[in-house]
Amino acid sequence: MESGLKEIIEEFMGSALAQWIQLFENMVENESSIQLYNQYMEVNSGSQSALDRYKRLTNGVFLNEVMRIIDPNPKVERLYNSERDDHMLRVQNFSILSRHLRAFYQVGEGPVGAG
């Protein structure tokens, strides 16, 4: 992997948004052995760790699980976890996440102050 891309991923995984989402790690039951955040990683594996965490974050499964914690009443849809980093499965997972977010924010929508 290009060193510039490694630096971008490491910087993103250290950002406030990535750090915030990692707080949900202990709340999400996960079958994967890769943890999104582990403070006891070896010093030399920092960039590989960031890459592994980035790939897990961007496959869509973890973010969908976090959304299910925030809103436990979604339309239940199957999430797709792929060991091969299948781009189509990632797109399907993010499509599910998008529908869940849209439904979450549309509930209770109506005229403000009506009544």
PDB file of N, CA and C in Angstrom:
ATOM      1  N   MET A   1       0.847  -1.181   0.000  1.00  0.00           N
ATOM      2  CA  MET A   1       0.000   0.000   0.000  1.00  0.00           C
ATOM      3  C   MET A   1       0.888   1.237   0.000  1.00  0.00           C
ATOM      4  N   GLU A   2       0.487   2.221  -0.729  1.00  0.00           N
ATOM      5  CA  GLU A   2       1.210   3.475  -0.830  1.00  0.00           C
ATOM      6  C   GLU A   2       1.314   4.132   0.545  1.00  0.00           C
ATOM      7  N   SER A   3       2.500   4.655   0.891  1.00  0.00           N
ATOM      8  CA  SER A   3       2.707   5.239   2.216  1.00  0.00           C
ATOM      9  C   SER A   3       1.802   6.450   2.449  1.00  0.00           C
ATOM     10  N   GLY A   4       1.520   7.228   1.394  1.00  0.00           N
ATOM     11  CA  GLY A   4       0.621   8.373   1.540  1.00  0.00           C
ATOM     12  C   GLY A   4      -0.783   7.945   1.934  1.00  0.00           C
ATOM     13  N   LEU A   5      -1.248   6.837   1.364  1.00  0.00           N
ATOM     14  CA  LEU A   5      -2.566   6.315   1.703  1.00  0.00           C
ATOM     15  C   LEU A   5      -2.589   5.809   3.138  1.00  0.00           C
ATOM     16  N   LYS A   6      -1.499   5.164   3.575  1.00  0.00           N
ATOM     17  CA  LYS A   6      -1.398   4.700   4.965  1.00  0.00           C
ATOM     18  C   LYS A   6      -1.523   5.881   5.924  1.00  0.00           C
ATOM     19  N   GLU A   7      -0.845   6.967   5.597  1.00  0.00           N
ATOM     20  CA  GLU A   7      -0.885   8.156   6.454  1.00  0.00           C
ATOM     21  C   GLU A   7      -2.291   8.741   6.509  1.00  0.00           C
ATOM     22  N   ILE A   8      -2.986   8.762   5.374  1.00  0.00           N
ATOM     23  CA  ILE A   8      -4.357   9.285   5.334  1.00  0.00           C
ATOM     24  C   ILE A   8      -5.277   8.420   6.199  1.00  0.00           C
ATOM     25  N   ILE A   9      -5.134   7.104   6.085  1.00  0.00           N
ATOM     26  CA  ILE A   9      -5.969   6.188   6.880  1.00  0.00           C
ATOM     27  C   ILE A   9      -5.664   6.347   8.354  1.00  0.00           C
ATOM     28  N   GLU A  10      -4.385   6.411   8.707  1.00  0.00           N
ATOM     29  CA  GLU A  10      -4.011   6.600  10.116  1.00  0.00           C
ATOM     30  C   GLU A  10      -4.569   7.907  10.659  1.00  0.00           C
ATOM     31  N   GLU A  11      -4.497   8.964   9.863  1.00  0.00           N
ATOM     32  CA  GLU A  11      -5.025  10.265  10.288  1.00  0.00           C
ATOM     33  C   GLU A  11      -6.542  10.192  10.483  1.00  0.00           C
ATOM     34  N   PHE A  12      -7.239   9.551   9.527  1.00  0.00           N
ATOM     35  CA  PHE A  12      -8.695   9.419   9.643  1.00  0.00           C
ATOM     36  C   PHE A  12      -9.069   8.617  10.884  1.00  0.00           C
ATOM     37  N   MET A  13      -8.377   7.499  11.128  1.00  0.00           N
ATOM     38  CA  MET A  13      -8.717   6.648  12.268  1.00  0.00           C
ATOM     39  C   MET A  13      -8.413   7.342  13.594  1.00  0.00           C
ATOM     40  N   GLY A  14      -7.598   8.390  13.559  1.00  0.00           N
ATOM     41  CA  GLY A  14      -7.333   9.183  14.760  1.00  0.00           C
ATOM     42  C   GLY A  14      -8.257  10.385  14.895  1.00  0.00           C
ATOM     43  N   SER A  15      -9.144  10.589  13.913  1.00  0.00           N
ATOM     44  CA  SER A  15     -10.045  11.746  13.943  1.00  0.00           C
ATOM     45  C   SER A  15     -11.121  11.584  15.010  1.00  0.00           C
ATOM     46  N   ALA A  16     -11.753  12.680  15.359  1.00  0.00           N
ATOM     47  CA  ALA A  16     -12.780  12.666  16.398  1.00  0.00           C
ATOM     48  C   ALA A  16     -13.943  11.730  16.038  1.00  0.00           C
ATOM     49  N   LEU A  17     -14.375  11.752  14.787  1.00  0.00           N
ATOM     50  CA  LEU A  17     -15.489  10.900  14.367  1.00  0.00           C
ATOM     51  C   LEU A  17     -15.136   9.419  14.489  1.00  0.00           C
ATOM     52  N   ALA A  18     -13.957   9.042  14.000  1.00  0.00           N
ATOM     53  CA  ALA A  18     -13.538   7.639  14.084  1.00  0.00           C
ATOM     54  C   ALA A  18     -13.348   7.227  15.543  1.00  0.00           C
ATOM     55  N   GLN A  19     -12.801   8.111  16.367  1.00  0.00           N
ATOM     56  CA  GLN A  19     -12.630   7.804  17.786  1.00  0.00           C
ATOM     57  C   GLN A  19     -13.983   7.638  18.478  1.00  0.00           C
ATOM     58  N   TRP A  20     -14.953   8.482  18.131  1.00  0.00           N
ATOM     59  CA  TRP A  20     -16.282   8.402  18.735  1.00  0.00           C
ATOM     60  C   TRP A  20     -16.954   7.071  18.393  1.00  0.00           C
ATOM     61  N   ILE A  21     -16.921   6.682  17.127  1.00  0.00           N
ATOM     62  CA  ILE A  21     -17.592   5.447  16.727  1.00  0.00           C
ATOM     63  C   ILE A  21     -16.923   4.247  17.368  1.00  0.00           C
ATOM     64  N   GLN A  22     -15.620   4.336  17.630  1.00  0.00           N
ATOM     65  CA  GLN A  22     -14.906   3.233  18.267  1.00  0.00           C
ATOM     66  C   GLN A  22     -15.347   3.022  19.716  1.00  0.00           C
ATOM     67  N   LEU A  23     -15.969   4.022  20.319  1.00  0.00           N
ATOM     68  CA  LEU A  23     -16.475   3.873  21.683  1.00  0.00           C
ATOM     69  C   LEU A  23     -17.569   2.815  21.779  1.00  0.00           C
ATOM     70  N   PHE A  24     -18.195   2.499  20.666  1.00  0.00           N
ATOM     71  CA  PHE A  24     -19.257   1.494  20.641  1.00  0.00           C
ATOM     72  C   PHE A  24     -18.728   0.060  20.557  1.00  0.00           C
ATOM     73  N   GLU A  25     -17.431  -0.097  20.414  1.00  0.00           N
ATOM     74  CA  GLU A  25     -16.834  -1.413  20.208  1.00  0.00           C
ATOM     75  C   GLU A  25     -17.283  -2.427  21.260  1.00  0.00           C
ATOM     76  N   ASN A  26     -17.248  -2.044  22.516  1.00  0.00           N
ATOM     77  CA  ASN A  26     -17.624  -2.987  23.576  1.00  0.00           C
ATOM     78  C   ASN A  26     -19.111  -3.281  23.601  1.00  0.00           C
ATOM     79  N   MET A  27     -19.918  -2.425  23.019  1.00  0.00           N
ATOM     80  CA  MET A  27     -21.366  -2.625  23.018  1.00  0.00           C
ATOM     81  C   MET A  27     -21.829  -3.533  21.882  1.00  0.00           C
ATOM     82  N   VAL A  28     -21.039  -3.629  20.846  1.00  0.00           N
ATOM     83  CA  VAL A  28     -21.406  -4.408  19.675  1.00  0.00           C
ATOM     84  C   VAL A  28     -20.834  -5.810  19.813  1.00  0.00           C
ATOM     85  N   GLU A  29     -21.713  -6.785  19.810  1.00  0.00           N
ATOM     86  CA  GLU A  29     -21.242  -8.158  19.808  1.00  0.00           C
ATOM     87  C   GLU A  29     -20.741  -8.454  18.410  1.00  0.00           C
ATOM     88  N   ASN A  30     -19.529  -9.004  18.354  1.00  0.00           N
ATOM     89  CA  ASN A  30     -18.914  -9.182  17.044  1.00  0.00           C
ATOM     90  C   ASN A  30     -18.232 -10.531  16.969  1.00  0.00           C
ATOM     91  N   GLU A  31     -18.392 -11.195  15.863  1.00  0.00           N
ATOM     92  CA  GLU A  31     -17.755 -12.487  15.656  1.00  0.00           C
ATOM     93  C   GLU A  31     -16.329 -12.347  15.157  1.00  0.00           C
ATOM     94  N   SER A  32     -15.979 -11.170  14.683  1.00  0.00           N
ATOM     95  CA  SER A  32     -14.642 -10.958  14.124  1.00  0.00           C
ATOM     96  C   SER A  32     -13.612 -10.899  15.235  1.00  0.00           C
ATOM     97  N   SER A  33     -12.425 -11.409  14.944  1.00  0.00           N
ATOM     98  CA  SER A  33     -11.342 -11.352  15.922  1.00  0.00           C
ATOM     99  C   SER A  33     -10.597 -10.026  15.858  1.00  0.00           C
ATOM    100  N   ILE A  34     -10.870  -9.213  14.824  1.00  0.00           N
ATOM    101  CA  ILE A  34     -10.208  -7.913  14.688  1.00  0.00           C
ATOM    102  C   ILE A  34     -10.992  -6.890  15.497  1.00  0.00           C
ATOM    103  N   GLN A  35     -10.336  -6.275  16.452  1.00  0.00           N
ATOM    104  CA  GLN A  35     -10.996  -5.249  17.236  1.00  0.00           C
ATOM    105  C   GLN A  35     -10.795  -3.915  16.556  1.00  0.00           C
ATOM    106  N   LEU A  36     -11.823  -3.075  16.629  1.00  0.00           N
ATOM    107  CA  LEU A  36     -11.729  -1.765  16.007  1.00  0.00           C
ATOM    108  C   LEU A  36     -10.674  -0.916  16.720  1.00  0.00           C
ATOM    109  N   TYR A  37     -10.572  -1.078  18.008  1.00  0.00           N
ATOM    110  CA  TYR A  37      -9.597  -0.303  18.757  1.00  0.00           C
ATOM    111  C   TYR A  37      -9.010  -1.189  19.830  1.00  0.00           C
ATOM    112  N   ASN A  38      -7.695  -1.222  19.932  1.00  0.00           N
ATOM    113  CA  ASN A  38      -7.032  -1.997  20.966  1.00  0.00           C
ATOM    114  C   ASN A  38      -5.810  -1.208  21.395  1.00  0.00           C
ATOM    115  N   GLN A  39      -5.834  -0.712  22.616  1.00  0.00           N
ATOM    116  CA  GLN A  39      -4.764   0.155  23.068  1.00  0.00           C
ATOM    117  C   GLN A  39      -3.465  -0.600  23.336  1.00  0.00           C
ATOM    118  N   TYR A  40      -3.504  -1.926  23.291  1.00  0.00           N
ATOM    119  CA  TYR A  40      -2.325  -2.714  23.585  1.00  0.00           C
ATOM    120  C   TYR A  40      -1.688  -3.320  22.335  1.00  0.00           C
ATOM    121  N   MET A  41      -1.903  -2.725  21.168  1.00  0.00           N
ATOM    122  CA  MET A  41      -1.313  -3.222  19.934  1.00  0.00           C
ATOM    123  C   MET A  41       0.198  -2.988  19.975  1.00  0.00           C
ATOM    124  N   GLU A  42       0.938  -3.832  19.275  1.00  0.00           N
ATOM    125  CA  GLU A  42       2.385  -3.657  19.196  1.00  0.00           C
ATOM    126  C   GLU A  42       2.695  -2.328  18.525  1.00  0.00           C
ATOM    127  N   VAL A  43       3.788  -1.720  18.920  1.00  0.00           N
ATOM    128  CA  VAL A  43       4.167  -0.411  18.404  1.00  0.00           C
ATOM    129  C   VAL A  43       4.367  -0.459  16.888  1.00  0.00           C
ATOM    130  N   ASN A  44       5.034  -1.477  16.357  1.00  0.00           N
ATOM    131  CA  ASN A  44       5.336  -1.550  14.931  1.00  0.00           C
ATOM    132  C   ASN A  44       4.125  -1.880  14.079  1.00  0.00           C
ATOM    133  N   SER A  45       3.032  -2.297  14.667  1.00  0.00           N
ATOM    134  CA  SER A  45       1.873  -2.680  13.872  1.00  0.00           C
ATOM    135  C   SER A  45       0.843  -1.562  13.803  1.00  0.00           C
ATOM    136  N   GLY A  46       1.236  -0.345  14.115  1.00  0.00           N
ATOM    137  CA  GLY A  46       0.302   0.779  14.137  1.00  0.00           C
ATOM    138  C   GLY A  46      -0.398   1.024  12.827  1.00  0.00           C
ATOM    139  N   SER A  47       0.362   1.058  11.732  1.00  0.00           N
ATOM    140  CA  SER A  47      -0.270   1.330  10.447  1.00  0.00           C
ATOM    141  C   SER A  47      -1.124   0.156   9.996  1.00  0.00           C
ATOM    142  N   GLN A  48      -0.671  -1.075  10.232  1.00  0.00           N
ATOM    143  CA  GLN A  48      -1.474  -2.246   9.875  1.00  0.00           C
ATOM    144  C   GLN A  48      -2.738  -2.275  10.722  1.00  0.00           C
ATOM    145  N   SER A  49      -2.609  -1.946  11.989  1.00  0.00           N
ATOM    146  CA  SER A  49      -3.772  -1.898  12.870  1.00  0.00           C
ATOM    147  C   SER A  49      -4.777  -0.872  12.368  1.00  0.00           C
ATOM    148  N   ALA A  50      -4.297   0.293  11.985  1.00  0.00           N
ATOM    149  CA  ALA A  50      -5.183   1.340  11.470  1.00  0.00           C
ATOM    150  C   ALA A  50      -5.876   0.859  10.201  1.00  0.00           C
ATOM    151  N   LEU A  51      -5.147   0.154   9.343  1.00  0.00           N
ATOM    152  CA  LEU A  51      -5.731  -0.361   8.112  1.00  0.00           C
ATOM    153  C   LEU A  51      -6.797  -1.404   8.411  1.00  0.00           C
ATOM    154  N   ASP A  52      -6.510  -2.317   9.331  1.00  0.00           N
ATOM    155  CA  ASP A  52      -7.498  -3.338   9.710  1.00  0.00           C
ATOM    156  C   ASP A  52      -8.753  -2.701  10.299  1.00  0.00           C
ATOM    157  N   ARG A  53      -8.540  -1.719  11.181  1.00  0.00           N
ATOM    158  CA  ARG A  53      -9.686  -1.035  11.787  1.00  0.00           C
ATOM    159  C   ARG A  53     -10.476  -0.266  10.738  1.00  0.00           C
ATOM    160  N   TYR A  54      -9.782   0.350   9.784  1.00  0.00           N
ATOM    161  CA  TYR A  54     -10.438   1.092   8.710  1.00  0.00           C
ATOM    162  C   TYR A  54     -11.268   0.150   7.838  1.00  0.00           C
ATOM    163  N   LYS A  55     -10.691  -0.977   7.456  1.00  0.00           N
ATOM    164  CA  LYS A  55     -11.429  -1.940   6.636  1.00  0.00           C
ATOM    165  C   LYS A  55     -12.668  -2.441   7.371  1.00  0.00           C
ATOM    166  N   ARG A  56     -12.535  -2.726   8.648  1.00  0.00           N
ATOM    167  CA  ARG A  56     -13.689  -3.200   9.419  1.00  0.00           C
ATOM    168  C   ARG A  56     -14.748  -2.103   9.516  1.00  0.00           C
ATOM    169  N   LEU A  57     -14.314  -0.888   9.722  1.00  0.00           N
ATOM    170  CA  LEU A  57     -15.237   0.233   9.832  1.00  0.00           C
ATOM    171  C   LEU A  57     -15.964   0.473   8.514  1.00  0.00           C
ATOM    172  N   THR A  58     -15.253   0.312   7.406  1.00  0.00           N
ATOM    173  CA  THR A  58     -15.848   0.635   6.114  1.00  0.00           C
ATOM    174  C   THR A  58     -16.545  -0.539   5.433  1.00  0.00           C
ATOM    175  N   ASN A  59     -16.641  -1.697   6.094  1.00  0.00           N
ATOM    176  CA  ASN A  59     -17.397  -2.787   5.463  1.00  0.00           C
ATOM    177  C   ASN A  59     -18.890  -2.635   5.716  1.00  0.00           C
ATOM    178  N   GLY A  60     -19.270  -1.739   6.623  1.00  0.00           N
ATOM    179  CA  GLY A  60     -20.674  -1.424   6.845  1.00  0.00           C
ATOM    180  C   GLY A  60     -21.357  -2.219   7.938  1.00  0.00           C
ATOM    181  N   VAL A  61     -20.818  -3.360   8.303  1.00  0.00           N
ATOM    182  CA  VAL A  61     -21.463  -4.205   9.317  1.00  0.00           C
ATOM    183  C   VAL A  61     -21.410  -3.518  10.676  1.00  0.00           C
ATOM    184  N   PHE A  62     -20.215  -3.067  11.086  1.00  0.00           N
ATOM    185  CA  PHE A  62     -20.067  -2.434  12.393  1.00  0.00           C
ATOM    186  C   PHE A  62     -20.942  -1.194  12.522  1.00  0.00           C
ATOM    187  N   LEU A  63     -20.953  -0.353  11.489  1.00  0.00           N
ATOM    188  CA  LEU A  63     -21.769   0.866  11.547  1.00  0.00           C
ATOM    189  C   LEU A  63     -23.265   0.537  11.629  1.00  0.00           C
ATOM    190  N   ASN A  64     -23.699  -0.515  10.951  1.00  0.00           N
ATOM    191  CA  ASN A  64     -25.095  -0.948  11.054  1.00  0.00           C
ATOM    192  C   ASN A  64     -25.411  -1.437  12.470  1.00  0.00           C
ATOM    193  N   GLU A  65     -24.472  -2.154  13.075  1.00  0.00           N
ATOM    194  CA  GLU A  65     -24.676  -2.626  14.446  1.00  0.00           C
ATOM    195  C   GLU A  65     -24.760  -1.454  15.419  1.00  0.00           C
ATOM    196  N   VAL A  66     -23.930  -0.432  15.213  1.00  0.00           N
ATOM    197  CA  VAL A  66     -23.993   0.768  16.054  1.00  0.00           C
ATOM    198  C   VAL A  66     -25.350   1.451  15.874  1.00  0.00           C
ATOM    199  N   MET A  67     -25.813   1.557  14.647  1.00  0.00           N
ATOM    200  CA  MET A  67     -27.116   2.182  14.389  1.00  0.00           C
ATOM    201  C   MET A  67     -28.231   1.389  15.058  1.00  0.00           C
ATOM    202  N   ARG A  68     -28.106   0.068  15.115  1.00  0.00           N
ATOM    203  CA  ARG A  68     -29.118  -0.751  15.793  1.00  0.00           C
ATOM    204  C   ARG A  68     -29.106  -0.539  17.300  1.00  0.00           C
ATOM    205  N   ILE A  69     -27.980  -0.107  17.850  1.00  0.00           N
ATOM    206  CA  ILE A  69     -27.936   0.261  19.273  1.00  0.00           C
ATOM    207  C   ILE A  69     -28.681   1.579  19.461  1.00  0.00           C
ATOM    208  N   ILE A  70     -28.450   2.520  18.566  1.00  0.00           N
ATOM    209  CA  ILE A  70     -29.091   3.831  18.641  1.00  0.00           C
ATOM    210  C   ILE A  70     -30.593   3.707  18.401  1.00  0.00           C
ATOM    211  N   ASP A  71     -30.977   2.925  17.407  1.00  0.00           N
ATOM    212  CA  ASP A  71     -32.384   2.708  17.058  1.00  0.00           C
ATOM    213  C   ASP A  71     -32.616   1.196  16.934  1.00  0.00           C
ATOM    214  N   PRO A  72     -33.068   0.554  18.023  1.00  0.00           N
ATOM    215  CA  PRO A  72     -33.210  -0.903  18.012  1.00  0.00           C
ATOM    216  C   PRO A  72     -34.441  -1.407  17.265  1.00  0.00           C
ATOM    217  N   ASN A  73     -35.186  -0.541  16.613  1.00  0.00           N
ATOM    218  CA  ASN A  73     -36.410  -0.965  15.934  1.00  0.00           C
ATOM    219  C   ASN A  73     -36.361  -0.790  14.419  1.00  0.00           C
ATOM    220  N   PRO A  74     -35.258  -1.175  13.787  1.00  0.00           N
ATOM    221  CA  PRO A  74     -35.235  -1.008  12.331  1.00  0.00           C
ATOM    222  C   PRO A  74     -35.939  -2.164  11.645  1.00  0.00           C
ATOM    223  N   LYS A  75     -36.191  -1.969  10.368  1.00  0.00           N
ATOM    224  CA  LYS A  75     -36.609  -3.098   9.552  1.00  0.00           C
ATOM    225  C   LYS A  75     -35.394  -4.026   9.519  1.00  0.00           C
ATOM    226  N   VAL A  76     -35.602  -5.264   9.926  1.00  0.00           N
ATOM    227  CA  VAL A  76     -34.475  -6.189  10.011  1.00  0.00           C
ATOM    228  C   VAL A  76     -34.039  -6.600   8.603  1.00  0.00           C
ATOM    229  N   GLU A  77     -32.784  -6.326   8.307  1.00  0.00           N
ATOM    230  CA  GLU A  77     -32.215  -6.687   7.022  1.00  0.00           C
ATOM    231  C   GLU A  77     -30.893  -7.400   7.269  1.00  0.00           C
ATOM    232  N   ARG A  78     -30.609  -8.357   6.418  1.00  0.00           N
ATOM    233  CA  ARG A  78     -29.383  -9.130   6.567  1.00  0.00           C
ATOM    234  C   ARG A  78     -28.176  -8.289   6.183  1.00  0.00           C
ATOM    235  N   LEU A  79     -27.151  -8.308   7.049  1.00  0.00           N
ATOM    236  CA  LEU A  79     -25.898  -7.630   6.761  1.00  0.00           C
ATOM    237  C   LEU A  79     -24.934  -8.635   6.147  1.00  0.00           C
ATOM    238  N   TYR A  80     -24.052  -8.149   5.322  1.00  0.00           N
ATOM    239  CA  TYR A  80     -23.141  -9.021   4.584  1.00  0.00           C
ATOM    240  C   TYR A  80     -21.703  -8.768   4.996  1.00  0.00           C
ATOM    241  N   ASN A  81     -21.095  -9.751   5.645  1.00  0.00           N
ATOM    242  CA  ASN A  81     -19.705  -9.660   6.047  1.00  0.00           C
ATOM    243  C   ASN A  81     -18.885 -10.535   5.116  1.00  0.00           C
ATOM    244  N   SER A  82     -17.940  -9.950   4.454  1.00  0.00           N
ATOM    245  CA  SER A  82     -17.149 -10.674   3.464  1.00  0.00           C
ATOM    246  C   SER A  82     -15.681 -10.662   3.844  1.00  0.00           C
ATOM    247  N   GLU A  83     -15.072 -11.826   3.865  1.00  0.00           N
ATOM    248  CA  GLU A  83     -13.637 -11.929   4.121  1.00  0.00           C
ATOM    249  C   GLU A  83     -12.832 -11.434   2.917  1.00  0.00           C
ATOM    250  N   ARG A  84     -13.443 -11.431   1.744  1.00  0.00           N
ATOM    251  CA  ARG A  84     -12.742 -11.057   0.512  1.00  0.00           C
ATOM    252  C   ARG A  84     -12.812  -9.565   0.231  1.00  0.00           C
ATOM    253  N   ASP A  85     -13.364  -8.785   1.111  1.00  0.00           N
ATOM    254  CA  ASP A  85     -13.505  -7.341   0.912  1.00  0.00           C
ATOM    255  C   ASP A  85     -14.277  -7.049  -0.376  1.00  0.00           C
ATOM    256  N   ASP A  86     -15.418  -7.694  -0.508  1.00  0.00           N
ATOM    257  CA  ASP A  86     -16.273  -7.566  -1.687  1.00  0.00           C
ATOM    258  C   ASP A  86     -16.944  -6.197  -1.695  1.00  0.00           C
ATOM    259  N   HIS A  87     -16.667  -5.414  -2.736  1.00  0.00           N
ATOM    260  CA  HIS A  87     -17.192  -4.047  -2.814  1.00  0.00           C
ATOM    261  C   HIS A  87     -18.711  -4.017  -2.930  1.00  0.00           C
ATOM    262  N   MET A  88     -19.299  -4.970  -3.625  1.00  0.00           N
ATOM    263  CA  MET A  88     -20.764  -5.001  -3.770  1.00  0.00           C
ATOM    264  C   MET A  88     -21.447  -5.248  -2.425  1.00  0.00           C
ATOM    265  N   LEU A  89     -20.856  -6.104  -1.596  1.00  0.00           N
ATOM    266  CA  LEU A  89     -21.428  -6.355  -0.274  1.00  0.00           C
ATOM    267  C   LEU A  89     -21.313  -5.111   0.606  1.00  0.00           C
ATOM    268  N   ARG A  90     -20.215  -4.380   0.471  1.00  0.00           N
ATOM    269  CA  ARG A  90     -20.062  -3.135   1.218  1.00  0.00           C
ATOM    270  C   ARG A  90     -21.122  -2.126   0.793  1.00  0.00           C
ATOM    271  N   VAL A  91     -21.372  -2.033  -0.493  1.00  0.00           N
ATOM    272  CA  VAL A  91     -22.401  -1.123  -1.004  1.00  0.00           C
ATOM    273  C   VAL A  91     -23.771  -1.524  -0.452  1.00  0.00           C
ATOM    274  N   GLN A  92     -24.072  -2.812  -0.429  1.00  0.00           N
ATOM    275  CA  GLN A  92     -25.352  -3.270   0.116  1.00  0.00           C
ATOM    276  C   GLN A  92     -25.465  -2.929   1.593  1.00  0.00           C
ATOM    277  N   ASN A  93     -24.390  -3.108   2.362  1.00  0.00           N
ATOM    278  CA  ASN A  93     -24.420  -2.772   3.781  1.00  0.00           C
ATOM    279  C   ASN A  93     -24.653  -1.280   3.999  1.00  0.00           C
ATOM    280  N   PHE A  94     -24.010  -0.445   3.195  1.00  0.00           N
ATOM    281  CA  PHE A  94     -24.204   0.997   3.349  1.00  0.00           C
ATOM    282  C   PHE A  94     -25.576   1.440   2.850  1.00  0.00           C
ATOM    283  N   SER A  95     -26.141   0.713   1.923  1.00  0.00           N
ATOM    284  CA  SER A  95     -27.507   0.988   1.483  1.00  0.00           C
ATOM    285  C   SER A  95     -28.483   0.700   2.625  1.00  0.00           C
ATOM    286  N   ILE A  96     -28.259  -0.387   3.328  1.00  0.00           N
ATOM    287  CA  ILE A  96     -29.087  -0.727   4.500  1.00  0.00           C
ATOM    288  C   ILE A  96     -28.932   0.356   5.561  1.00  0.00           C
ATOM    289  N   LEU A  97     -27.699   0.778   5.814  1.00  0.00           N
ATOM    290  CA  LEU A  97     -27.442   1.829   6.800  1.00  0.00           C
ATOM    291  C   LEU A  97     -28.142   3.125   6.405  1.00  0.00           C
ATOM    292  N   SER A  98     -28.077   3.472   5.136  1.00  0.00           N
ATOM    293  CA  SER A  98     -28.733   4.683   4.644  1.00  0.00           C
ATOM    294  C   SER A  98     -30.239   4.628   4.865  1.00  0.00           C
ATOM    295  N   ARG A  99     -30.856   3.495   4.563  1.00  0.00           N
ATOM    296  CA  ARG A  99     -32.308   3.346   4.783  1.00  0.00           C
ATOM    297  C   ARG A  99     -32.649   3.453   6.268  1.00  0.00           C
ATOM    298  N   HIS A 100     -31.825   2.860   7.119  1.00  0.00           N
ATOM    299  CA  HIS A 100     -32.071   2.912   8.567  1.00  0.00           C
ATOM    300  C   HIS A 100     -31.944   4.342   9.081  1.00  0.00           C
ATOM    301  N   LEU A 101     -30.914   5.055   8.646  1.00  0.00           N
ATOM    302  CA  LEU A 101     -30.754   6.454   9.053  1.00  0.00           C
ATOM    303  C   LEU A 101     -31.926   7.311   8.583  1.00  0.00           C
ATOM    304  N   ARG A 102     -32.336   7.115   7.333  1.00  0.00           N
ATOM    305  CA  ARG A 102     -33.462   7.878   6.775  1.00  0.00           C
ATOM    306  C   ARG A 102     -34.732   7.615   7.593  1.00  0.00           C
ATOM    307  N   ALA A 103     -35.013   6.342   7.879  1.00  0.00           N
ATOM    308  CA  ALA A 103     -36.207   5.993   8.653  1.00  0.00           C
ATOM    309  C   ALA A 103     -36.128   6.567  10.062  1.00  0.00           C
ATOM    310  N   PHE A 104     -34.947   6.542  10.654  1.00  0.00           N
ATOM    311  CA  PHE A 104     -34.766   7.057  12.008  1.00  0.00           C
ATOM    312  C   PHE A 104     -35.081   8.547  12.082  1.00  0.00           C
ATOM    313  N   TYR A 105     -34.628   9.307  11.100  1.00  0.00           N
ATOM    314  CA  TYR A 105     -34.851  10.750  11.121  1.00  0.00           C
ATOM    315  C   TYR A 105     -36.221  11.159  10.601  1.00  0.00           C
ATOM    316  N   GLN A 106     -36.915  10.290   9.885  1.00  0.00           N
ATOM    317  CA  GLN A 106     -38.250  10.620   9.403  1.00  0.00           C
ATOM    318  C   GLN A 106     -39.324  10.332  10.421  1.00  0.00           C
ATOM    319  N   VAL A 107     -39.054   9.472  11.392  1.00  0.00           N
ATOM    320  CA  VAL A 107     -40.037   9.164  12.431  1.00  0.00           C
ATOM    321  C   VAL A 107     -40.299  10.421  13.243  1.00  0.00           C
ATOM    322  N   GLY A 108     -41.554  10.729  13.409  1.00  0.00           N
ATOM    323  CA  GLY A 108     -41.926  11.899  14.198  1.00  0.00           C
ATOM    324  C   GLY A 108     -41.805  13.200  13.458  1.00  0.00           C
ATOM    325  N   GLU A 109     -41.490  13.124  12.191  1.00  0.00           N
ATOM    326  CA  GLU A 109     -41.397  14.343  11.407  1.00  0.00           C
ATOM    327  C   GLU A 109     -42.790  14.952  11.240  1.00  0.00           C
ATOM    328  N   GLY A 110     -42.882  16.165  11.311  1.00  0.00           N
ATOM    329  CA  GLY A 110     -44.149  16.846  11.145  1.00  0.00           C
ATOM    330  C   GLY A 110     -43.951  18.315  11.443  1.00  0.00           C
ATOM    331  N   PRO A 111     -44.994  19.088  11.374  1.00  0.00           N
ATOM    332  CA  PRO A 111     -44.856  20.522  11.629  1.00  0.00           C
ATOM    333  C   PRO A 111     -44.403  20.780  13.048  1.00  0.00           C
ATOM    334  N   VAL A 112     -43.362  21.549  13.192  1.00  0.00           N
ATOM    335  CA  VAL A 112     -42.850  21.909  14.517  1.00  0.00           C
ATOM    336  C   VAL A 112     -43.812  22.877  15.168  1.00  0.00           C
ATOM    337  N   GLY A 113     -44.174  22.598  16.399  1.00  0.00           N
ATOM    338  CA  GLY A 113     -45.056  23.480  17.127  1.00  0.00           C
ATOM    339  C   GLY A 113     -46.518  23.342  16.767  1.00  0.00           C
ATOM    340  N   ALA A 114     -46.855  22.361  15.939  1.00  0.00           N
ATOM    341  CA  ALA A 114     -48.256  22.166  15.575  1.00  0.00           C
ATOM    342  C   ALA A 114     -49.019  21.594  16.760  1.00  0.00           C
ATOM    343  N   GLY A 115     -50.195  22.001  16.897  1.00  0.00           N
ATOM    344  CA  GLY A 115     -50.996  21.390  17.952  1.00  0.00           C
ATOM    345  C   GLY A 115     -51.838  22.285  18.655  1.00  0.00           C
TER     346      GLY A 115
END
